[in-house]
Amino acid sequence: MVLETGKHPGELKDAVCSPAGTTIEAVRVLEEKGFRSAIIEAMKACAEKSHNMAD
């Protein structure tokens, strides 16, 4: 959706999350549990593994 609309991910999130609604509550928990950091670390590990496999 980011590529299709050109909108910032935060803007798209705001478009689908009602204040005090269920979706924003799920987003809050994901952020609290480090979801973003986990995704970044997973992608780093994937890239490193891929690089090592190419050697």
N, C-alpha and C. Protein backbone atom coordinates (compact mmCIF):
# COMPACT_ATOMS: atom_id res chain seq x y z
N MET A 1 0.82 -1.20 0.00
CA MET A 1 0.00 0.00 0.00
C MET A 1 0.86 1.26 0.00
N VAL A 2 2.00 1.19 0.68
CA VAL A 2 2.90 2.34 0.70
C VAL A 2 3.34 2.67 -0.72
N LEU A 3 3.73 1.65 -1.46
CA LEU A 3 4.19 1.87 -2.84
C LEU A 3 3.05 2.32 -3.74
N GLU A 4 1.88 1.76 -3.54
CA GLU A 4 0.73 2.09 -4.39
C GLU A 4 0.21 3.50 -4.13
N THR A 5 0.20 3.91 -2.86
CA THR A 5 -0.40 5.20 -2.52
C THR A 5 0.60 6.33 -2.37
N GLY A 6 1.85 5.96 -2.06
CA GLY A 6 2.85 6.99 -1.79
C GLY A 6 2.71 7.60 -0.41
N LYS A 7 1.79 7.07 0.39
CA LYS A 7 1.57 7.60 1.74
C LYS A 7 2.55 6.99 2.73
N HIS A 8 2.85 7.73 3.79
CA HIS A 8 3.71 7.25 4.86
C HIS A 8 2.98 6.12 5.60
N PRO A 9 3.72 5.09 6.04
CA PRO A 9 3.08 3.98 6.77
C PRO A 9 2.25 4.44 7.96
N GLY A 10 2.72 5.45 8.67
CA GLY A 10 1.95 5.96 9.81
C GLY A 10 0.61 6.53 9.39
N GLU A 11 0.58 7.17 8.24
CA GLU A 11 -0.67 7.73 7.73
C GLU A 11 -1.65 6.61 7.36
N LEU A 12 -1.13 5.54 6.77
CA LEU A 12 -1.98 4.40 6.44
C LEU A 12 -2.51 3.73 7.71
N LYS A 13 -1.64 3.60 8.71
CA LYS A 13 -2.07 3.02 9.99
C LYS A 13 -3.19 3.85 10.59
N ASP A 14 -3.03 5.16 10.58
CA ASP A 14 -4.05 6.04 11.15
C ASP A 14 -5.37 5.94 10.40
N ALA A 15 -5.29 5.63 9.11
CA ALA A 15 -6.51 5.53 8.31
C ALA A 15 -7.34 4.30 8.67
N VAL A 16 -6.72 3.28 9.23
CA VAL A 16 -7.46 2.05 9.54
C VAL A 16 -7.66 1.81 11.04
N CYS A 17 -7.04 2.64 11.87
CA CYS A 17 -7.14 2.46 13.32
C CYS A 17 -8.06 3.50 13.93
N SER A 18 -9.14 3.03 14.52
CA SER A 18 -10.03 3.94 15.26
C SER A 18 -9.39 4.26 16.60
N PRO A 19 -9.52 5.50 17.07
CA PRO A 19 -9.01 5.81 18.40
C PRO A 19 -9.65 4.88 19.44
N ALA A 20 -8.84 4.29 20.27
CA ALA A 20 -9.29 3.37 21.32
C ALA A 20 -9.97 2.12 20.76
N GLY A 21 -9.69 1.79 19.49
CA GLY A 21 -10.30 0.62 18.87
C GLY A 21 -9.43 -0.62 19.01
N THR A 22 -9.90 -1.69 18.41
CA THR A 22 -9.22 -2.97 18.54
C THR A 22 -7.90 -3.02 17.76
N THR A 23 -7.87 -2.44 16.56
CA THR A 23 -6.66 -2.50 15.75
C THR A 23 -5.53 -1.72 16.38
N ILE A 24 -5.81 -0.52 16.88
CA ILE A 24 -4.74 0.28 17.49
C ILE A 24 -4.27 -0.38 18.78
N GLU A 25 -5.15 -1.10 19.46
CA GLU A 25 -4.72 -1.83 20.67
C GLU A 25 -3.74 -2.93 20.29
N ALA A 26 -4.01 -3.62 19.20
CA ALA A 26 -3.08 -4.65 18.73
C ALA A 26 -1.75 -4.02 18.33
N VAL A 27 -1.78 -2.89 17.64
CA VAL A 27 -0.55 -2.18 17.26
C VAL A 27 0.23 -1.78 18.51
N ARG A 28 -0.47 -1.31 19.52
CA ARG A 28 0.19 -0.90 20.77
C ARG A 28 0.94 -2.07 21.39
N VAL A 29 0.30 -3.24 21.43
CA VAL A 29 0.94 -4.42 22.02
C VAL A 29 2.14 -4.85 21.17
N LEU A 30 2.00 -4.84 19.86
CA LEU A 30 3.13 -5.20 19.00
C LEU A 30 4.32 -4.28 19.25
N GLU A 31 4.08 -2.99 19.35
CA GLU A 31 5.15 -2.03 19.62
C GLU A 31 5.75 -2.27 21.01
N GLU A 32 4.90 -2.52 21.98
CA GLU A 32 5.36 -2.77 23.36
C GLU A 32 6.27 -4.00 23.43
N LYS A 33 5.95 -5.01 22.63
CA LYS A 33 6.70 -6.26 22.65
C LYS A 33 7.92 -6.25 21.72
N GLY A 34 8.15 -5.13 21.05
CA GLY A 34 9.34 -5.00 20.22
C GLY A 34 9.20 -5.57 18.81
N PHE A 35 8.00 -5.56 18.28
CA PHE A 35 7.76 -6.11 16.95
C PHE A 35 8.65 -5.47 15.88
N ARG A 36 8.73 -4.16 15.88
CA ARG A 36 9.52 -3.46 14.87
C ARG A 36 10.99 -3.87 14.95
N SER A 37 11.51 -3.92 16.16
CA SER A 37 12.90 -4.33 16.36
C SER A 37 13.12 -5.77 15.92
N ALA A 38 12.15 -6.63 16.21
CA ALA A 38 12.27 -8.03 15.81
C ALA A 38 12.31 -8.17 14.29
N ILE A 39 11.51 -7.41 13.59
CA ILE A 39 11.50 -7.45 12.12
C ILE A 39 12.84 -6.97 11.58
N ILE A 40 13.37 -5.88 12.13
CA ILE A 40 14.66 -5.35 11.68
C ILE A 40 15.76 -6.38 11.91
N GLU A 41 15.79 -6.98 13.10
CA GLU A 41 16.82 -7.98 13.41
C GLU A 41 16.68 -9.22 12.52
N ALA A 42 15.45 -9.62 12.24
CA ALA A 42 15.23 -10.78 11.37
C ALA A 42 15.74 -10.50 9.96
N MET A 43 15.51 -9.31 9.46
CA MET A 43 15.98 -8.97 8.12
C MET A 43 17.50 -8.87 8.07
N LYS A 44 18.12 -8.37 9.13
CA LYS A 44 19.58 -8.33 9.20
C LYS A 44 20.15 -9.75 9.17
N ALA A 45 19.56 -10.65 9.95
CA ALA A 45 20.02 -12.03 10.00
C ALA A 45 19.84 -12.71 8.64
N CYS A 46 18.74 -12.44 7.99
CA CYS A 46 18.46 -13.01 6.68
C CYS A 46 19.49 -12.53 5.66
N ALA A 47 19.77 -11.24 5.66
CA ALA A 47 20.74 -10.68 4.71
C ALA A 47 22.13 -11.24 4.97
N GLU A 48 22.51 -11.35 6.24
CA GLU A 48 23.82 -11.89 6.58
C GLU A 48 23.94 -13.35 6.15
N LYS A 49 22.91 -14.13 6.41
CA LYS A 49 22.91 -15.54 6.01
C LYS A 49 23.01 -15.66 4.50
N SER A 50 22.26 -14.86 3.79
CA SER A 50 22.29 -14.88 2.34
C SER A 50 23.67 -14.51 1.82
N HIS A 51 24.28 -13.50 2.42
CA HIS A 51 25.62 -13.08 2.03
C HIS A 51 26.64 -14.21 2.25
N ASN A 52 26.53 -14.87 3.41
CA ASN A 52 27.45 -15.96 3.75
C ASN A 52 27.25 -17.17 2.83
N MET A 53 26.06 -17.42 2.40
CA MET A 53 25.78 -18.54 1.52
C MET A 53 26.36 -18.29 0.12
N ALA A 54 26.46 -17.03 -0.26
CA ALA A 54 26.97 -16.68 -1.59
C ALA A 54 28.49 -16.81 -1.67
N ASP A 55 29.15 -16.84 -0.52
CA ASP A 55 30.62 -16.92 -0.51
C ASP A 55 31.13 -18.28 -0.88
